[in-house]
Amino acid sequence: EASERLSGVEEMERRPGRPYWHAQEHLRALPQVG
């Protein structure tokens, strides 16, 4: 329960299919860090 502290994600994290990607919509808008 610390996903609100994420400030960026890898390119892989933009792809759907993992359960947390569908549960945490704000992850999709985070800056890409490589």
PDB file of all heavy atoms in Angstrom:
ATOM      1  N   GLU A   1       0.827  -1.212   0.000  1.00  0.00           N
ATOM      2  CA  GLU A   1       0.000   0.000   0.000  1.00  0.00           C
ATOM      3  C   GLU A   1       0.862   1.264   0.000  1.00  0.00           C
ATOM      4  O   GLU A   1       0.583   2.230   0.703  1.00  0.00           O
ATOM      5  CB  GLU A   1      -0.958  -0.011   1.199  1.00  0.00           C
ATOM      6  CG  GLU A   1      -1.925  -1.194   1.167  1.00  0.00           C
ATOM      7  CD  GLU A   1      -2.850  -1.256   2.374  1.00  0.00           C
ATOM      8  OE1 GLU A   1      -2.529  -0.612   3.415  1.00  0.00           O
ATOM      9  OE2 GLU A   1      -3.881  -1.940   2.287  1.00  0.00           O
ATOM     10  N   ALA A   2       1.902   1.239  -0.819  1.00  0.00           N
ATOM     11  CA  ALA A   2       2.807   2.387  -0.936  1.00  0.00           C
ATOM     12  C   ALA A   2       2.882   2.905  -2.368  1.00  0.00           C
ATOM     13  O   ALA A   2       3.791   3.667  -2.708  1.00  0.00           O
ATOM     14  CB  ALA A   2       4.207   2.007  -0.451  1.00  0.00           C
ATOM     15  N   SER A   3       1.942   2.520  -3.222  1.00  0.00           N
ATOM     16  CA  SER A   3       2.027   2.905  -4.630  1.00  0.00           C
ATOM     17  C   SER A   3       1.850   4.405  -4.839  1.00  0.00           C
ATOM     18  O   SER A   3       2.296   4.943  -5.857  1.00  0.00           O
ATOM     19  CB  SER A   3       0.983   2.152  -5.456  1.00  0.00           C
ATOM     20  OG  SER A   3      -0.329   2.523  -5.076  1.00  0.00           O
ATOM     21  N   GLU A   4       1.234   5.096  -3.873  1.00  0.00           N
ATOM     22  CA  GLU A   4       1.060   6.544  -4.024  1.00  0.00           C
ATOM     23  C   GLU A   4       2.386   7.284  -3.937  1.00  0.00           C
ATOM     24  O   GLU A   4       2.485   8.450  -4.347  1.00  0.00           O
ATOM     25  CB  GLU A   4       0.089   7.082  -2.961  1.00  0.00           C
ATOM     26  CG  GLU A   4       0.647   7.200  -1.563  1.00  0.00           C
ATOM     27  CD  GLU A   4       0.774   5.874  -0.815  1.00  0.00           C
ATOM     28  OE1 GLU A   4       0.267   4.855  -1.335  1.00  0.00           O
ATOM     29  OE2 GLU A   4       1.364   5.867   0.289  1.00  0.00           O
ATOM     30  N   ARG A   5       3.433   6.621  -3.464  1.00  0.00           N
ATOM     31  CA  ARG A   5       4.754   7.260  -3.387  1.00  0.00           C
ATOM     32  C   ARG A   5       5.561   7.093  -4.671  1.00  0.00           C
ATOM     33  O   ARG A   5       6.630   7.697  -4.803  1.00  0.00           O
ATOM     34  CB  ARG A   5       5.550   6.670  -2.218  1.00  0.00           C
ATOM     35  CG  ARG A   5       4.873   6.806  -0.862  1.00  0.00           C
ATOM     36  CD  ARG A   5       5.841   6.419   0.237  1.00  0.00           C
ATOM     37  NE  ARG A   5       5.162   6.001   1.454  1.00  0.00           N
ATOM     38  CZ  ARG A   5       5.771   5.521   2.525  1.00  0.00           C
ATOM     39  NH1 ARG A   5       7.091   5.402   2.527  1.00  0.00           N
ATOM     40  NH2 ARG A   5       5.082   5.147   3.597  1.00  0.00           N
ATOM     41  N   LEU A   6       5.094   6.267  -5.595  1.00  0.00           N
ATOM     42  CA  LEU A   6       5.831   6.064  -6.839  1.00  0.00           C
ATOM     43  C   LEU A   6       5.866   7.351  -7.650  1.00  0.00           C
ATOM     44  O   LEU A   6       4.838   7.997  -7.864  1.00  0.00           O
ATOM     45  CB  LEU A   6       5.176   4.953  -7.658  1.00  0.00           C
ATOM     46  CG  LEU A   6       5.443   3.525  -7.160  1.00  0.00           C
ATOM     47  CD1 LEU A   6       4.471   2.538  -7.788  1.00  0.00           C
ATOM     48  CD2 LEU A   6       6.884   3.123  -7.460  1.00  0.00           C
ATOM     49  N   SER A   7       7.066   7.702  -8.113  1.00  0.00           N
ATOM     50  CA  SER A   7       7.228   8.932  -8.896  1.00  0.00           C
ATOM     51  C   SER A   7       7.535   8.658 -10.359  1.00  0.00           C
ATOM     52  O   SER A   7       7.592   9.579 -11.174  1.00  0.00           O
ATOM     53  CB  SER A   7       8.354   9.785  -8.297  1.00  0.00           C
ATOM     54  OG  SER A   7       9.588   9.075  -8.301  1.00  0.00           O
ATOM     55  N   GLY A   8       7.745   7.391 -10.717  1.00  0.00           N
ATOM     56  CA  GLY A   8       8.030   7.011 -12.084  1.00  0.00           C
ATOM     57  C   GLY A   8       8.017   5.502 -12.206  1.00  0.00           C
ATOM     58  O   GLY A   8       8.111   4.796 -11.197  1.00  0.00           O
ATOM     59  N   VAL A   9       7.890   5.005 -13.459  1.00  0.00           N
ATOM     60  CA  VAL A   9       7.856   3.561 -13.686  1.00  0.00           C
ATOM     61  C   VAL A   9       8.653   3.217 -14.939  1.00  0.00           C
ATOM     62  O   VAL A   9       8.854   4.057 -15.815  1.00  0.00           O
ATOM     63  CB  VAL A   9       6.410   3.042 -13.856  1.00  0.00           C
ATOM     64  CG1 VAL A   9       5.638   3.140 -12.560  1.00  0.00           C
ATOM     65  CG2 VAL A   9       5.692   3.765 -14.987  1.00  0.00           C
ATOM     66  N   GLU A  10       9.109   1.977 -15.005  1.00  0.00           N
ATOM     67  CA  GLU A  10       9.761   1.477 -16.207  1.00  0.00           C
ATOM     68  C   GLU A  10       8.744   1.337 -17.342  1.00  0.00           C
ATOM     69  O   GLU A  10       7.531   1.256 -17.105  1.00  0.00           O
ATOM     70  CB  GLU A  10      10.387   0.107 -15.938  1.00  0.00           C
ATOM     71  CG  GLU A  10      11.520   0.116 -14.934  1.00  0.00           C
ATOM     72  CD  GLU A  10      11.966  -1.289 -14.576  1.00  0.00           C
ATOM     73  OE1 GLU A  10      11.117  -2.200 -14.528  1.00  0.00           O
ATOM     74  OE2 GLU A  10      13.174  -1.467 -14.368  1.00  0.00           O
ATOM     75  N   GLU A  11       9.256   1.248 -18.555  1.00  0.00           N
ATOM     76  CA  GLU A  11       8.385   1.094 -19.722  1.00  0.00           C
ATOM     77  C   GLU A  11       7.488  -0.131 -19.590  1.00  0.00           C
ATOM     78  O   GLU A  11       6.316  -0.097 -19.979  1.00  0.00           O
ATOM     79  CB  GLU A  11       9.250   1.001 -20.987  1.00  0.00           C
ATOM     80  CG  GLU A  11       8.453   0.915 -22.293  1.00  0.00           C
ATOM     81  CD  GLU A  11       8.028  -0.501 -22.636  1.00  0.00           C
ATOM     82  OE1 GLU A  11       8.740  -1.438 -22.244  1.00  0.00           O
ATOM     83  OE2 GLU A  11       6.971  -0.642 -23.283  1.00  0.00           O
ATOM     84  N   MET A  12       8.000  -1.231 -19.054  1.00  0.00           N
ATOM     85  CA  MET A  12       7.231  -2.462 -18.891  1.00  0.00           C
ATOM     86  C   MET A  12       5.939  -2.234 -18.102  1.00  0.00           C
ATOM     87  O   MET A  12       4.902  -2.864 -18.356  1.00  0.00           O
ATOM     88  CB  MET A  12       8.097  -3.510 -18.195  1.00  0.00           C
ATOM     89  CG  MET A  12       7.360  -4.765 -17.762  1.00  0.00           C
ATOM     90  SD  MET A  12       6.732  -5.752 -19.131  1.00  0.00           S
ATOM     91  CE  MET A  12       8.234  -6.555 -19.668  1.00  0.00           C
ATOM     92  N   GLU A  13       6.004  -1.332 -17.132  1.00  0.00           N
ATOM     93  CA  GLU A  13       4.853  -1.109 -16.257  1.00  0.00           C
ATOM     94  C   GLU A  13       3.692  -0.415 -16.967  1.00  0.00           C
ATOM     95  O   GLU A  13       2.612  -0.293 -16.400  1.00  0.00           O
ATOM     96  CB  GLU A  13       5.274  -0.291 -15.027  1.00  0.00           C
ATOM     97  CG  GLU A  13       6.393  -0.900 -14.210  1.00  0.00           C
ATOM     98  CD  GLU A  13       6.008  -2.215 -13.532  1.00  0.00           C
ATOM     99  OE1 GLU A  13       4.824  -2.597 -13.571  1.00  0.00           O
ATOM    100  OE2 GLU A  13       6.911  -2.862 -12.951  1.00  0.00           O
ATOM    101  N   ARG A  14       3.901   0.039 -18.194  1.00  0.00           N
ATOM    102  CA  ARG A  14       2.820   0.652 -18.963  1.00  0.00           C
ATOM    103  C   ARG A  14       1.928  -0.401 -19.630  1.00  0.00           C
ATOM    104  O   ARG A  14       0.862  -0.073 -20.146  1.00  0.00           O
ATOM    105  CB  ARG A  14       3.403   1.568 -20.052  1.00  0.00           C
ATOM    106  CG  ARG A  14       4.245   2.744 -19.527  1.00  0.00           C
ATOM    107  CD  ARG A  14       3.350   3.823 -18.932  1.00  0.00           C
ATOM    108  NE  ARG A  14       4.088   5.026 -18.588  1.00  0.00           N
ATOM    109  CZ  ARG A  14       4.310   6.029 -19.431  1.00  0.00           C
ATOM    110  NH1 ARG A  14       3.871   5.967 -20.669  1.00  0.00           N
ATOM    111  NH2 ARG A  14       4.977   7.093 -19.026  1.00  0.00           N
ATOM    112  N   ARG A  15       2.349  -1.655 -19.632  1.00  0.00           N
ATOM    113  CA  ARG A  15       1.617  -2.695 -20.349  1.00  0.00           C
ATOM    114  C   ARG A  15       0.564  -3.334 -19.443  1.00  0.00           C
ATOM    115  O   ARG A  15       0.848  -3.671 -18.295  1.00  0.00           O
ATOM    116  CB  ARG A  15       2.577  -3.772 -20.861  1.00  0.00           C
ATOM    117  CG  ARG A  15       3.710  -3.226 -21.714  1.00  0.00           C
ATOM    118  CD  ARG A  15       4.636  -4.344 -22.152  1.00  0.00           C
ATOM    119  NE  ARG A  15       5.876  -3.826 -22.719  1.00  0.00           N
ATOM    120  CZ  ARG A  15       6.879  -4.590 -23.132  1.00  0.00           C
ATOM    121  NH1 ARG A  15       6.779  -5.912 -23.029  1.00  0.00           N
ATOM    122  NH2 ARG A  15       7.974  -4.047 -23.632  1.00  0.00           N
ATOM    123  N   PRO A  16      -0.652  -3.549 -19.941  1.00  0.00           N
ATOM    124  CA  PRO A  16      -1.696  -4.174 -19.121  1.00  0.00           C
ATOM    125  C   PRO A  16      -1.463  -5.669 -18.969  1.00  0.00           C
ATOM    126  O   PRO A  16      -0.624  -6.264 -19.647  1.00  0.00           O
ATOM    127  CB  PRO A  16      -2.973  -3.903 -19.935  1.00  0.00           C
ATOM    128  CG  PRO A  16      -2.499  -3.807 -21.344  1.00  0.00           C
ATOM    129  CD  PRO A  16      -1.125  -3.172 -21.281  1.00  0.00           C
ATOM    130  N   GLY A  17      -2.212  -6.286 -18.074  1.00  0.00           N
ATOM    131  CA  GLY A  17      -2.161  -7.733 -17.907  1.00  0.00           C
ATOM    132  C   GLY A  17      -1.797  -8.193 -16.516  1.00  0.00           C
ATOM    133  O   GLY A  17      -2.186  -9.282 -16.099  1.00  0.00           O
ATOM    134  N   ARG A  18      -1.039  -7.368 -15.771  1.00  0.00           N
ATOM    135  CA  ARG A  18      -0.729  -7.710 -14.390  1.00  0.00           C
ATOM    136  C   ARG A  18      -1.837  -7.157 -13.498  1.00  0.00           C
ATOM    137  O   ARG A  18      -2.294  -6.021 -13.704  1.00  0.00           O
ATOM    138  CB  ARG A  18       0.629  -7.131 -13.985  1.00  0.00           C
ATOM    139  CG  ARG A  18       1.796  -7.750 -14.726  1.00  0.00           C
ATOM    140  CD  ARG A  18       3.123  -7.052 -14.426  1.00  0.00           C
ATOM    141  NE  ARG A  18       3.055  -5.620 -14.673  1.00  0.00           N
ATOM    142  CZ  ARG A  18       3.049  -5.065 -15.871  1.00  0.00           C
ATOM    143  NH1 ARG A  18       3.097  -5.816 -16.958  1.00  0.00           N
ATOM    144  NH2 ARG A  18       2.966  -3.763 -16.013  1.00  0.00           N
ATOM    145  N   PRO A  19      -2.282  -7.905 -12.502  1.00  0.00           N
ATOM    146  CA  PRO A  19      -3.416  -7.448 -11.684  1.00  0.00           C
ATOM    147  C   PRO A  19      -3.246  -6.052 -11.116  1.00  0.00           C
ATOM    148  O   PRO A  19      -4.199  -5.261 -11.117  1.00  0.00           O
ATOM    149  CB  PRO A  19      -3.479  -8.509 -10.573  1.00  0.00           C
ATOM    150  CG  PRO A  19      -2.949  -9.747 -11.214  1.00  0.00           C
ATOM    151  CD  PRO A  19      -1.858  -9.282 -12.142  1.00  0.00           C
ATOM    152  N   TYR A  20      -2.048  -5.711 -10.613  1.00  0.00           N
ATOM    153  CA  TYR A  20      -1.890  -4.401  -9.983  1.00  0.00           C
ATOM    154  C   TYR A  20      -2.007  -3.257 -10.985  1.00  0.00           C
ATOM    155  O   TYR A  20      -2.382  -2.145 -10.624  1.00  0.00           O
ATOM    156  CB  TYR A  20      -0.566  -4.316  -9.204  1.00  0.00           C
ATOM    157  CG  TYR A  20       0.691  -4.427 -10.031  1.00  0.00           C
ATOM    158  CD1 TYR A  20       1.259  -3.323 -10.660  1.00  0.00           C
ATOM    159  CD2 TYR A  20       1.356  -5.646 -10.159  1.00  0.00           C
ATOM    160  CE1 TYR A  20       2.428  -3.416 -11.395  1.00  0.00           C
ATOM    161  CE2 TYR A  20       2.519  -5.760 -10.900  1.00  0.00           C
ATOM    162  CZ  TYR A  20       3.051  -4.640 -11.521  1.00  0.00           C
ATOM    163  OH  TYR A  20       4.207  -4.745 -12.253  1.00  0.00           O
ATOM    164  N   TRP A  21      -1.697  -3.519 -12.258  1.00  0.00           N
ATOM    165  CA  TRP A  21      -1.842  -2.482 -13.291  1.00  0.00           C
ATOM    166  C   TRP A  21      -3.307  -2.085 -13.423  1.00  0.00           C
ATOM    167  O   TRP A  21      -3.628  -0.907 -13.612  1.00  0.00           O
ATOM    168  CB  TRP A  21      -1.308  -3.012 -14.613  1.00  0.00           C
ATOM    169  CG  TRP A  21      -1.256  -2.005 -15.731  1.00  0.00           C
ATOM    170  CD1 TRP A  21      -0.187  -1.222 -16.088  1.00  0.00           C
ATOM    171  CD2 TRP A  21      -2.297  -1.680 -16.663  1.00  0.00           C
ATOM    172  NE1 TRP A  21      -0.500  -0.430 -17.174  1.00  0.00           N
ATOM    173  CE2 TRP A  21      -1.789  -0.686 -17.553  1.00  0.00           C
ATOM    174  CE3 TRP A  21      -3.608  -2.114 -16.840  1.00  0.00           C
ATOM    175  CZ2 TRP A  21      -2.557  -0.146 -18.590  1.00  0.00           C
ATOM    176  CZ3 TRP A  21      -4.363  -1.571 -17.873  1.00  0.00           C
ATOM    177  CH2 TRP A  21      -3.841  -0.604 -18.724  1.00  0.00           C
ATOM    178  N   HIS A  22      -4.197  -3.047 -13.313  1.00  0.00           N
ATOM    179  CA  HIS A  22      -5.627  -2.771 -13.452  1.00  0.00           C
ATOM    180  C   HIS A  22      -6.210  -2.168 -12.177  1.00  0.00           C
ATOM    181  O   HIS A  22      -7.193  -1.422 -12.237  1.00  0.00           O
ATOM    182  CB  HIS A  22      -6.363  -4.060 -13.820  1.00  0.00           C
ATOM    183  CG  HIS A  22      -5.958  -4.602 -15.153  1.00  0.00           C
ATOM    184  ND1 HIS A  22      -6.555  -4.216 -16.334  1.00  0.00           N
ATOM    185  CD2 HIS A  22      -4.980  -5.472 -15.506  1.00  0.00           C
ATOM    186  CE1 HIS A  22      -5.987  -4.834 -17.344  1.00  0.00           C
ATOM    187  NE2 HIS A  22      -5.019  -5.603 -16.871  1.00  0.00           N
ATOM    188  N   ALA A  23      -5.599  -2.477 -11.041  1.00  0.00           N
ATOM    189  CA  ALA A  23      -6.121  -1.948  -9.766  1.00  0.00           C
ATOM    190  C   ALA A  23      -5.636  -0.540  -9.477  1.00  0.00           C
ATOM    191  O   ALA A  23      -6.320   0.231  -8.799  1.00  0.00           O
ATOM    192  CB  ALA A  23      -5.713  -2.883  -8.625  1.00  0.00           C
ATOM    193  N   GLN A  24      -4.451  -0.189  -9.977  1.00  0.00           N
ATOM    194  CA  GLN A  24      -3.828   1.094  -9.645  1.00  0.00           C
ATOM    195  C   GLN A  24      -3.721   1.952 -10.909  1.00  0.00           C
ATOM    196  O   GLN A  24      -2.667   2.040 -11.535  1.00  0.00           O
ATOM    197  CB  GLN A  24      -2.438   0.850  -9.036  1.00  0.00           C
ATOM    198  CG  GLN A  24      -2.421  -0.095  -7.860  1.00  0.00           C
ATOM    199  CD  GLN A  24      -2.847   0.584  -6.573  1.00  0.00           C
ATOM    200  OE1 GLN A  24      -2.579   1.758  -6.364  1.00  0.00           O
ATOM    201  NE2 GLN A  24      -3.507  -0.166  -5.700  1.00  0.00           N
ATOM    202  N   GLU A  25      -4.811   2.583 -11.291  1.00  0.00           N
ATOM    203  CA  GLU A  25      -4.852   3.309 -12.558  1.00  0.00           C
ATOM    204  C   GLU A  25      -3.857   4.462 -12.618  1.00  0.00           C
ATOM    205  O   GLU A  25      -3.383   4.830 -13.699  1.00  0.00           O
ATOM    206  CB  GLU A  25      -6.268   3.820 -12.817  1.00  0.00           C
ATOM    207  CG  GLU A  25      -7.285   2.702 -13.052  1.00  0.00           C
ATOM    208  CD  GLU A  25      -8.648   3.242 -13.440  1.00  0.00           C
ATOM    209  OE1 GLU A  25      -8.769   4.482 -13.615  1.00  0.00           O
ATOM    210  OE2 GLU A  25      -9.589   2.437 -13.560  1.00  0.00           O
ATOM    211  N   HIS A  26      -3.521   5.036 -11.465  1.00  0.00           N
ATOM    212  CA  HIS A  26      -2.603   6.185 -11.473  1.00  0.00           C
ATOM    213  C   HIS A  26      -1.200   5.806 -11.947  1.00  0.00           C
ATOM    214  O   HIS A  26      -0.436   6.666 -12.376  1.00  0.00           O
ATOM    215  CB  HIS A  26      -2.531   6.814 -10.077  1.00  0.00           C
ATOM    216  CG  HIS A  26      -1.869   5.927  -9.051  1.00  0.00           C
ATOM    217  ND1 HIS A  26      -2.514   4.883  -8.440  1.00  0.00           N
ATOM    218  CD2 HIS A  26      -0.611   5.941  -8.540  1.00  0.00           C
ATOM    219  CE1 HIS A  26      -1.692   4.290  -7.588  1.00  0.00           C
ATOM    220  NE2 HIS A  26      -0.534   4.907  -7.633  1.00  0.00           N
ATOM    221  N   LEU A  27      -0.861   4.507 -11.895  1.00  0.00           N
ATOM    222  CA  LEU A  27       0.462   4.079 -12.345  1.00  0.00           C
ATOM    223  C   LEU A  27       0.661   4.374 -13.836  1.00  0.00           C
ATOM    224  O   LEU A  27       1.781   4.622 -14.288  1.00  0.00           O
ATOM    225  CB  LEU A  27       0.659   2.578 -12.097  1.00  0.00           C
ATOM    226  CG  LEU A  27       0.639   2.093 -10.645  1.00  0.00           C
ATOM    227  CD1 LEU A  27       0.860   0.594 -10.598  1.00  0.00           C
ATOM    228  CD2 LEU A  27       1.681   2.809  -9.810  1.00  0.00           C
ATOM    229  N   ARG A  28      -0.420   4.346 -14.594  1.00  0.00           N
ATOM    230  CA  ARG A  28      -0.324   4.517 -16.047  1.00  0.00           C
ATOM    231  C   ARG A  28       0.083   5.938 -16.440  1.00  0.00           C
ATOM    232  O   ARG A  28       0.570   6.159 -17.544  1.00  0.00           O
ATOM    233  CB  ARG A  28      -1.659   4.165 -16.696  1.00  0.00           C
ATOM    234  CG  ARG A  28      -2.212   2.826 -16.239  1.00  0.00           C
ATOM    235  CD  ARG A  28      -3.628   2.607 -16.734  1.00  0.00           C
ATOM    236  NE  ARG A  28      -4.299   1.571 -15.944  1.00  0.00           N
ATOM    237  CZ  ARG A  28      -5.545   1.184 -16.127  1.00  0.00           C
ATOM    238  NH1 ARG A  28      -6.260   1.739 -17.107  1.00  0.00           N
ATOM    239  NH2 ARG A  28      -6.089   0.265 -15.359  1.00  0.00           N
ATOM    240  N   ALA A  29      -0.145   6.892 -15.549  1.00  0.00           N
ATOM    241  CA  ALA A  29       0.151   8.291 -15.865  1.00  0.00           C
ATOM    242  C   ALA A  29       1.515   8.735 -15.357  1.00  0.00           C
ATOM    243  O   ALA A  29       1.926   9.873 -15.605  1.00  0.00           O
ATOM    244  CB  ALA A  29      -0.938   9.191 -15.269  1.00  0.00           C
ATOM    245  N   LEU A  30       2.225   7.856 -14.659  1.00  0.00           N
ATOM    246  CA  LEU A  30       3.521   8.242 -14.090  1.00  0.00           C
ATOM    247  C   LEU A  30       4.574   8.372 -15.188  1.00  0.00           C
ATOM    248  O   LEU A  30       4.528   7.670 -16.204  1.00  0.00           O
ATOM    249  CB  LEU A  30       3.974   7.213 -13.055  1.00  0.00           C
ATOM    250  CG  LEU A  30       3.163   7.156 -11.762  1.00  0.00           C
ATOM    251  CD1 LEU A  30       3.635   5.994 -10.892  1.00  0.00           C
ATOM    252  CD2 LEU A  30       3.259   8.468 -10.997  1.00  0.00           C
ATOM    253  N   PRO A  31       5.568   9.237 -14.978  1.00  0.00           N
ATOM    254  CA  PRO A  31       6.641   9.392 -15.974  1.00  0.00           C
ATOM    255  C   PRO A  31       7.402   8.076 -16.174  1.00  0.00           C
ATOM    256  O   PRO A  31       7.589   7.301 -15.241  1.00  0.00           O
ATOM    257  CB  PRO A  31       7.551  10.457 -15.357  1.00  0.00           C
ATOM    258  CG  PRO A  31       6.707  11.174 -14.361  1.00  0.00           C
ATOM    259  CD  PRO A  31       5.715  10.173 -13.846  1.00  0.00           C
ATOM    260  N   GLN A  32       7.836   7.865 -17.395  1.00  0.00           N
ATOM    261  CA  GLN A  32       8.631   6.684 -17.710  1.00  0.00           C
ATOM    262  C   GLN A  32      10.098   6.956 -17.392  1.00  0.00           C
ATOM    263  O   GLN A  32      10.619   8.028 -17.702  1.00  0.00           O
ATOM    264  CB  GLN A  32       8.473   6.328 -19.185  1.00  0.00           C
ATOM    265  CG  GLN A  32       9.154   5.042 -19.589  1.00  0.00           C
ATOM    266  CD  GLN A  32       8.876   4.702 -21.044  1.00  0.00           C
ATOM    267  OE1 GLN A  32       7.759   4.788 -21.501  1.00  0.00           O
ATOM    268  NE2 GLN A  32       9.927   4.342 -21.773  1.00  0.00           N
ATOM    269  N   VAL A  33      10.757   5.956 -16.754  1.00  0.00           N
ATOM    270  CA  VAL A  33      12.148   6.150 -16.340  1.00  0.00           C
ATOM    271  C   VAL A  33      13.105   5.189 -17.050  1.00  0.00           C
ATOM    272  O   VAL A  33      14.207   4.948 -16.563  1.00  0.00           O
ATOM    273  CB  VAL A  33      12.292   6.002 -14.811  1.00  0.00           C
ATOM    274  CG1 VAL A  33      11.539   7.106 -14.089  1.00  0.00           C
ATOM    275  CG2 VAL A  33      11.818   4.617 -14.356  1.00  0.00           C
ATOM    276  N   GLY A  34      12.672   4.650 -18.199  1.00  0.00           N
ATOM    277  CA  GLY A  34      13.573   3.799 -18.961  1.00  0.00           C
ATOM    278  C   GLY A  34      13.048   2.394 -19.138  1.00  0.00           C
ATOM    279  O   GLY A  34      11.924   2.071 -18.740  1.00  0.00           O
TER     280      GLY A  34
END
